[in-house]
Amino acid sequence: MATKSVNAKSKRFDVRVPHNIADAVERLKEDGESTGQFVVTALEGEIKRRQRKQARTESES
């Protein structure tokens, strides 16, 4: 049975990644950490990094 791709708490992403990235994720995940948890943590970090960069750019204008 298929599940919805969007619910009240989350949205599903299906992506393809290069083999070297997938291998690095598997190597670097902490004990008990799921791939989903790893990806969400990485995305949160990248979002914060880009928000800081955008804020710096806007403050320089």
N, C-alpha and C. Protein backbone atom coordinates (compact mmCIF):
# COMPACT_ATOMS: atom_id res chain seq x y z
N MET A 1 0.84 -1.18 0.00
CA MET A 1 0.00 0.00 0.00
C MET A 1 0.89 1.25 0.00
N ALA A 2 0.66 2.12 -0.95
CA ALA A 2 1.44 3.34 -1.05
C ALA A 2 0.99 4.35 -0.01
N THR A 3 1.95 5.11 0.49
CA THR A 3 1.61 6.16 1.45
C THR A 3 1.70 7.50 0.75
N LYS A 4 1.03 8.48 1.31
CA LYS A 4 1.10 9.83 0.74
C LYS A 4 2.52 10.37 0.85
N SER A 5 2.87 11.24 -0.08
CA SER A 5 4.21 11.83 -0.02
C SER A 5 4.26 13.04 0.91
N VAL A 6 3.09 13.53 1.35
CA VAL A 6 3.03 14.66 2.27
C VAL A 6 2.02 14.34 3.36
N ASN A 7 2.41 14.60 4.61
CA ASN A 7 1.46 14.48 5.71
C ASN A 7 1.62 15.70 6.61
N ALA A 8 1.03 15.66 7.79
CA ALA A 8 1.05 16.82 8.67
C ALA A 8 2.45 17.17 9.18
N LYS A 9 3.36 16.21 9.23
CA LYS A 9 4.67 16.46 9.83
C LYS A 9 5.83 16.46 8.84
N SER A 10 5.65 15.88 7.67
CA SER A 10 6.81 15.74 6.79
C SER A 10 6.40 15.64 5.33
N LYS A 11 7.43 15.73 4.48
CA LYS A 11 7.26 15.56 3.04
C LYS A 11 8.32 14.57 2.59
N ARG A 12 7.94 13.65 1.73
CA ARG A 12 8.85 12.61 1.26
C ARG A 12 9.63 13.13 0.04
N PHE A 13 10.94 12.89 0.04
CA PHE A 13 11.80 13.20 -1.09
C PHE A 13 12.40 11.89 -1.59
N ASP A 14 12.33 11.65 -2.86
CA ASP A 14 13.02 10.51 -3.46
C ASP A 14 14.11 11.08 -4.36
N VAL A 15 15.35 10.81 -4.02
CA VAL A 15 16.46 11.38 -4.78
C VAL A 15 17.48 10.30 -5.12
N ARG A 16 18.23 10.56 -6.17
CA ARG A 16 19.35 9.69 -6.54
C ARG A 16 20.63 10.45 -6.19
N VAL A 17 21.58 9.75 -5.61
CA VAL A 17 22.86 10.38 -5.26
C VAL A 17 23.99 9.55 -5.86
N PRO A 18 25.11 10.20 -6.15
CA PRO A 18 26.26 9.46 -6.67
C PRO A 18 26.71 8.39 -5.66
N HIS A 19 27.28 7.32 -6.19
CA HIS A 19 27.72 6.20 -5.34
C HIS A 19 28.69 6.65 -4.26
N ASN A 20 29.61 7.56 -4.60
CA ASN A 20 30.60 7.98 -3.60
C ASN A 20 29.95 8.73 -2.44
N ILE A 21 28.88 9.48 -2.70
CA ILE A 21 28.16 10.18 -1.63
C ILE A 21 27.43 9.16 -0.76
N ALA A 22 26.75 8.21 -1.40
CA ALA A 22 26.02 7.18 -0.65
C ALA A 22 26.97 6.36 0.21
N ASP A 23 28.14 6.03 -0.33
CA ASP A 23 29.13 5.27 0.44
C ASP A 23 29.63 6.08 1.64
N ALA A 24 29.85 7.38 1.44
CA ALA A 24 30.32 8.23 2.54
C ALA A 24 29.27 8.33 3.63
N VAL A 25 28.00 8.44 3.25
CA VAL A 25 26.92 8.49 4.24
C VAL A 25 26.94 7.23 5.08
N GLU A 26 27.01 6.08 4.43
CA GLU A 26 27.01 4.81 5.16
C GLU A 26 28.22 4.71 6.10
N ARG A 27 29.36 5.20 5.65
CA ARG A 27 30.58 5.14 6.45
C ARG A 27 30.52 6.07 7.65
N LEU A 28 29.86 7.21 7.49
CA LEU A 28 29.92 8.26 8.51
C LEU A 28 28.72 8.30 9.45
N LYS A 29 27.67 7.55 9.16
CA LYS A 29 26.52 7.53 10.06
C LYS A 29 26.96 7.03 11.43
N GLU A 30 26.38 7.63 12.47
CA GLU A 30 26.67 7.18 13.83
C GLU A 30 25.88 5.92 14.13
N ASP A 31 26.32 5.16 15.14
CA ASP A 31 25.61 3.95 15.54
C ASP A 31 24.16 4.27 15.85
N GLY A 32 23.25 3.54 15.26
CA GLY A 32 21.83 3.73 15.51
C GLY A 32 21.19 4.83 14.70
N GLU A 33 21.98 5.58 13.95
CA GLU A 33 21.44 6.68 13.14
C GLU A 33 20.95 6.14 11.80
N SER A 34 19.75 6.53 11.42
CA SER A 34 19.23 6.10 10.13
C SER A 34 19.75 7.02 9.03
N THR A 35 19.66 6.55 7.81
CA THR A 35 20.05 7.39 6.68
C THR A 35 19.18 8.64 6.63
N GLY A 36 17.90 8.49 6.93
CA GLY A 36 17.00 9.64 6.95
C GLY A 36 17.42 10.67 7.97
N GLN A 37 17.80 10.22 9.16
CA GLN A 37 18.26 11.14 10.21
C GLN A 37 19.53 11.86 9.76
N PHE A 38 20.44 11.13 9.15
CA PHE A 38 21.68 11.72 8.66
C PHE A 38 21.37 12.81 7.63
N VAL A 39 20.50 12.49 6.68
CA VAL A 39 20.17 13.43 5.62
C VAL A 39 19.47 14.67 6.18
N VAL A 40 18.53 14.49 7.09
CA VAL A 40 17.83 15.64 7.68
C VAL A 40 18.82 16.54 8.41
N THR A 41 19.73 15.96 9.18
CA THR A 41 20.74 16.75 9.89
C THR A 41 21.62 17.52 8.91
N ALA A 42 22.02 16.85 7.83
CA ALA A 42 22.85 17.52 6.82
C ALA A 42 22.08 18.65 6.14
N LEU A 43 20.82 18.42 5.83
CA LEU A 43 20.01 19.46 5.20
C LEU A 43 19.81 20.65 6.13
N GLU A 44 19.57 20.39 7.41
CA GLU A 44 19.41 21.48 8.38
C GLU A 44 20.68 22.34 8.43
N GLY A 45 21.84 21.68 8.44
CA GLY A 45 23.10 22.42 8.47
C GLY A 45 23.31 23.25 7.22
N GLU A 46 22.97 22.70 6.07
CA GLU A 46 23.12 23.43 4.81
C GLU A 46 22.15 24.61 4.73
N ILE A 47 20.93 24.42 5.20
CA ILE A 47 19.95 25.52 5.22
C ILE A 47 20.46 26.66 6.09
N LYS A 48 20.96 26.35 7.28
CA LYS A 48 21.48 27.39 8.18
C LYS A 48 22.66 28.11 7.54
N ARG A 49 23.55 27.36 6.90
CA ARG A 49 24.73 27.95 6.25
C ARG A 49 24.30 28.93 5.17
N ARG A 50 23.34 28.53 4.36
CA ARG A 50 22.89 29.40 3.27
C ARG A 50 22.12 30.61 3.78
N GLN A 51 21.36 30.44 4.86
CA GLN A 51 20.65 31.57 5.46
C GLN A 51 21.64 32.60 5.99
N ARG A 52 22.71 32.14 6.64
CA ARG A 52 23.73 33.07 7.14
C ARG A 52 24.40 33.80 5.98
N LYS A 53 24.71 33.05 4.92
CA LYS A 53 25.35 33.65 3.74
C LYS A 53 24.42 34.69 3.12
N GLN A 54 23.15 34.37 3.00
CA GLN A 54 22.18 35.31 2.43
C GLN A 54 22.04 36.56 3.29
N ALA A 55 22.02 36.38 4.61
CA ALA A 55 21.90 37.52 5.52
C ALA A 55 23.12 38.43 5.39
N ARG A 56 24.31 37.84 5.28
CA ARG A 56 25.53 38.64 5.09
C ARG A 56 25.47 39.42 3.79
N THR A 57 25.04 38.77 2.73
CA THR A 57 24.95 39.42 1.42
C THR A 57 23.96 40.57 1.46
N GLU A 58 22.82 40.36 2.10
CA GLU A 58 21.80 41.41 2.18
C GLU A 58 22.26 42.57 3.05
N SER A 59 23.02 42.29 4.10
CA SER A 59 23.48 43.37 4.99
C SER A 59 24.58 44.21 4.33
N GLU A 60 25.29 43.62 3.37
CA GLU A 60 26.33 44.35 2.66
C GLU A 60 25.74 45.26 1.58
N SER A 61 24.52 45.00 1.17
CA SER A 61 23.89 45.79 0.10
C SER A 61 23.41 47.13 0.59
